[in-house]
Amino acid sequence: MILSVVFSVLTFIRNESWESNLSIMKADVSNNPKSARLHFNYAMALRNEIVDKKNSLAIQNNNLPLIEFHLKEALKIYPEYGSAYYSLGEYYLHRQKYNEALVMLQQARFFLPRAKRVYLGLAACMSEKKEFDSSLYFINEGMRYTAGGPDFSYQKATLFEALGQKDSAKVYYQRTLELNSHDSLASSALKRLR
């Protein structure tokens, strides 16, 4: 009987944590602060909350510093965490901190040498820095080390368009559509360039 009451109380206390995925992750990080995976998962849950509630500036202002903090915590605990490097690189890329993004994405490339998203992130970062030759290098490297696909063709097309090479851009927008006929961005770009 006493054991039943104890477990009932513990269940009642834990139920407060089950309010949302975010509250579960927050409780788990509090209960196990030495887990790199829990810090990473909490950062991703915070990011997803921003994505789900796009128009909430308050949520963005609250979550952004927490995302960075928990990704850095994950890397302190487990310095070989490639996905955490990648996510922190993407975080910096979206915050327009391109030098920091480049460092994190290079680390991600070391730990995740065949991850398409890493090469796409590196290419996007270099494009933002107006280092187009380096951007093209990472697109080509990504195509070489991964299965390639429409994402690389599209990124190559946007790069050629930014450089004013419209004929090359058209070729790669067309290649993107050959690989993914439902790509509305490539379709719109191709119509715009005709």
Protein backbone atom coordinates (compact mmCIF):
# COMPACT_ATOMS: atom_id res chain seq x y z
CA MET A 1 0.00 0.00 0.00
CA ILE A 2 2.75 2.46 0.93
CA LEU A 3 4.64 1.59 -2.24
CA SER A 4 1.50 2.29 -4.27
CA VAL A 5 1.11 5.73 -2.68
CA VAL A 6 4.78 6.56 -3.33
CA PHE A 7 4.49 5.63 -7.01
CA SER A 8 1.23 7.55 -7.33
CA VAL A 9 2.90 10.69 -5.96
CA LEU A 10 5.89 10.24 -8.31
CA THR A 11 3.52 9.78 -11.26
CA PHE A 12 1.59 12.89 -10.30
CA ILE A 13 4.80 14.91 -10.11
CA ARG A 14 6.03 13.56 -13.45
CA ASN A 15 2.69 14.38 -15.12
CA GLU A 16 3.55 18.09 -14.92
CA SER A 17 6.56 17.38 -17.13
CA TRP A 18 4.36 15.65 -19.70
CA GLU A 19 2.59 18.89 -20.64
CA SER A 20 4.48 19.06 -23.96
CA ASN A 21 7.50 17.62 -25.73
CA LEU A 22 9.40 20.74 -24.73
CA SER A 23 8.55 20.37 -21.04
CA ILE A 24 9.60 16.71 -21.11
CA MET A 25 12.96 17.64 -22.65
CA LYS A 26 13.46 20.46 -20.15
CA ALA A 27 12.75 18.13 -17.21
CA ASP A 28 15.06 15.47 -18.65
CA VAL A 29 17.94 17.96 -19.01
CA SER A 30 17.37 19.12 -15.42
CA ASN A 31 17.41 15.54 -14.19
CA ASN A 32 20.43 14.51 -16.25
CA PRO A 33 22.58 17.58 -17.04
CA LYS A 34 25.58 15.44 -18.12
CA SER A 35 23.78 13.97 -21.15
CA ALA A 36 24.91 15.44 -24.47
CA ARG A 37 21.98 13.80 -26.26
CA LEU A 38 19.43 15.36 -23.89
CA HIS A 39 20.96 18.83 -24.33
CA PHE A 40 20.89 18.33 -28.12
CA ASN A 41 17.29 17.06 -28.08
CA TYR A 42 16.18 19.98 -25.92
CA ALA A 43 17.85 22.45 -28.31
CA MET A 44 16.04 20.80 -31.24
CA ALA A 45 12.72 20.93 -29.37
CA LEU A 46 13.29 24.66 -28.75
CA ARG A 47 14.08 25.16 -32.44
CA ASN A 48 10.96 23.24 -33.44
CA GLU A 49 8.86 25.45 -31.20
CA ILE A 50 10.13 28.49 -33.12
CA VAL A 51 9.34 26.81 -36.43
CA ASP A 52 5.86 25.80 -35.24
CA LYS A 53 5.06 29.28 -33.91
CA LYS A 54 6.70 31.42 -36.60
CA ASN A 55 5.04 34.69 -35.65
CA SER A 56 5.88 34.66 -31.96
CA LEU A 57 8.74 37.07 -31.38
CA ALA A 58 8.60 36.36 -27.64
CA ILE A 59 9.24 32.65 -28.21
CA GLN A 60 12.12 33.45 -30.57
CA ASN A 61 13.71 35.86 -28.11
CA ASN A 62 13.39 33.31 -25.32
CA ASN A 63 14.44 30.22 -27.27
CA LEU A 64 17.35 31.46 -29.39
CA PRO A 65 19.85 31.93 -26.55
CA LEU A 66 18.74 28.60 -25.04
CA ILE A 67 19.28 26.78 -28.34
CA GLU A 68 22.85 28.05 -28.55
CA PHE A 69 23.52 27.29 -24.88
CA HIS A 70 22.27 23.69 -25.04
CA LEU A 71 24.09 22.91 -28.29
CA LYS A 72 27.31 24.21 -26.73
CA GLU A 73 26.63 22.14 -23.62
CA ALA A 74 26.19 19.04 -25.77
CA LEU A 75 29.57 19.74 -27.38
CA LYS A 76 31.27 20.30 -24.01
CA ILE A 77 30.04 16.91 -22.87
CA TYR A 78 30.68 15.10 -26.16
CA PRO A 79 33.16 17.00 -28.39
CA GLU A 80 32.72 14.52 -31.28
CA TYR A 81 28.97 15.22 -31.65
CA GLY A 82 28.76 15.92 -35.39
CA SER A 83 25.04 16.67 -35.42
CA ALA A 84 25.48 19.25 -32.66
CA TYR A 85 28.24 20.97 -34.66
CA TYR A 86 25.97 20.97 -37.70
CA SER A 87 22.99 22.35 -35.79
CA LEU A 88 25.10 25.06 -34.16
CA GLY A 89 26.50 25.94 -37.60
CA GLU A 90 22.98 26.23 -39.01
CA TYR A 91 21.98 28.31 -35.98
CA TYR A 92 24.85 30.74 -36.66
CA LEU A 93 24.09 30.75 -40.39
CA HIS A 94 20.49 31.83 -39.73
CA ARG A 95 21.73 34.45 -37.24
CA GLN A 96 24.08 35.75 -39.99
CA LYS A 97 27.20 34.94 -37.97
CA TYR A 98 28.99 33.47 -40.96
CA ASN A 99 32.47 33.04 -39.50
CA GLU A 100 31.11 31.14 -36.50
CA ALA A 101 28.88 29.10 -38.83
CA LEU A 102 31.85 28.18 -40.99
CA VAL A 103 33.86 26.91 -38.01
CA MET A 104 30.98 24.76 -36.75
CA LEU A 105 30.10 23.40 -40.20
CA GLN A 106 33.75 22.50 -40.85
CA GLN A 107 33.77 20.56 -37.58
CA ALA A 108 30.53 18.86 -38.61
CA ARG A 109 32.15 17.90 -41.92
CA PHE A 110 35.01 16.26 -40.03
CA PHE A 111 32.60 14.10 -37.98
CA LEU A 112 29.92 13.66 -40.67
CA PRO A 113 31.92 13.40 -43.93
CA ARG A 114 29.03 11.92 -45.92
CA ALA A 115 26.19 14.11 -44.64
CA LYS A 116 24.57 16.02 -47.48
CA ARG A 117 23.19 18.71 -45.17
CA VAL A 118 26.72 19.64 -44.02
CA TYR A 119 27.93 20.37 -47.56
CA LEU A 120 24.75 22.30 -48.35
CA GLY A 121 25.28 24.35 -45.18
CA LEU A 122 28.91 25.03 -46.06
CA ALA A 123 27.97 26.06 -49.60
CA ALA A 124 25.22 28.37 -48.30
CA CYS A 125 27.60 29.91 -45.77
CA MET A 126 30.24 30.60 -48.41
CA SER A 127 27.61 32.11 -50.73
CA GLU A 128 26.51 34.44 -47.94
CA LYS A 129 30.13 35.46 -47.46
CA LYS A 130 30.29 36.12 -51.24
CA GLU A 131 33.00 33.49 -51.59
CA PHE A 132 31.42 31.85 -54.60
CA ASP A 133 34.38 29.70 -55.63
CA SER A 134 34.38 28.12 -52.17
CA SER A 135 30.61 27.67 -52.34
CA LEU A 136 30.97 25.84 -55.67
CA TYR A 137 33.75 23.73 -54.17
CA PHE A 138 31.49 22.55 -51.33
CA ILE A 139 28.62 21.85 -53.73
CA ASN A 140 30.92 19.70 -55.88
CA GLU A 141 32.41 17.99 -52.81
CA GLY A 142 28.93 17.26 -51.52
CA MET A 143 27.93 15.76 -54.83
CA ARG A 144 31.07 13.63 -54.76
CA TYR A 145 30.72 12.34 -51.20
CA THR A 146 26.95 11.98 -50.97
CA ALA A 147 24.25 10.76 -53.28
CA GLY A 148 23.87 14.34 -54.57
CA GLY A 149 20.32 14.96 -55.59
CA PRO A 150 18.13 17.94 -56.39
CA ASP A 151 19.33 20.03 -53.44
CA PHE A 152 22.84 20.29 -54.86
CA SER A 153 21.58 21.03 -58.37
CA TYR A 154 19.33 23.76 -57.02
CA GLN A 155 22.11 25.30 -54.93
CA LYS A 156 24.44 25.22 -57.93
CA ALA A 157 21.75 26.93 -60.03
CA THR A 158 21.26 29.71 -57.48
CA LEU A 159 25.02 30.19 -57.30
CA PHE A 160 25.32 30.54 -61.09
CA GLU A 161 22.36 32.92 -61.09
CA ALA A 162 24.03 35.07 -58.40
CA LEU A 163 27.17 35.16 -60.57
CA GLY A 164 25.09 36.31 -63.57
CA GLN A 165 25.68 33.05 -65.46
CA LYS A 166 22.06 32.59 -66.52
CA ASP A 167 22.64 29.81 -69.05
CA SER A 168 24.43 27.67 -66.46
CA ALA A 169 21.74 28.51 -63.91
CA LYS A 170 19.04 27.34 -66.33
CA VAL A 171 20.86 24.04 -66.87
CA TYR A 172 20.98 23.33 -63.13
CA TYR A 173 17.40 24.48 -62.46
CA GLN A 174 16.35 22.08 -65.23
CA ARG A 175 18.47 19.30 -63.70
CA THR A 176 16.79 20.01 -60.33
CA LEU A 177 13.39 19.53 -61.96
CA GLU A 178 14.54 16.32 -63.62
CA LEU A 179 15.47 14.99 -60.17
CA ASN A 180 12.38 16.43 -58.43
CA SER A 181 9.60 17.51 -60.77
CA HIS A 182 7.66 19.04 -57.85
CA ASP A 183 10.33 21.59 -56.91
CA SER A 184 8.34 24.82 -57.09
CA LEU A 185 11.37 27.05 -56.40
CA ALA A 186 13.32 25.62 -59.33
CA SER A 187 10.25 25.82 -61.57
CA SER A 188 9.67 29.49 -60.67
CA ALA A 189 13.34 30.34 -61.17
CA LEU A 190 13.40 28.65 -64.55
CA LYS A 191 10.33 30.62 -65.68
CA ARG A 192 11.89 33.84 -64.41
CA LEU A 193 15.08 33.25 -66.42
CA ARG A 194 13.34 32.45 -69.74
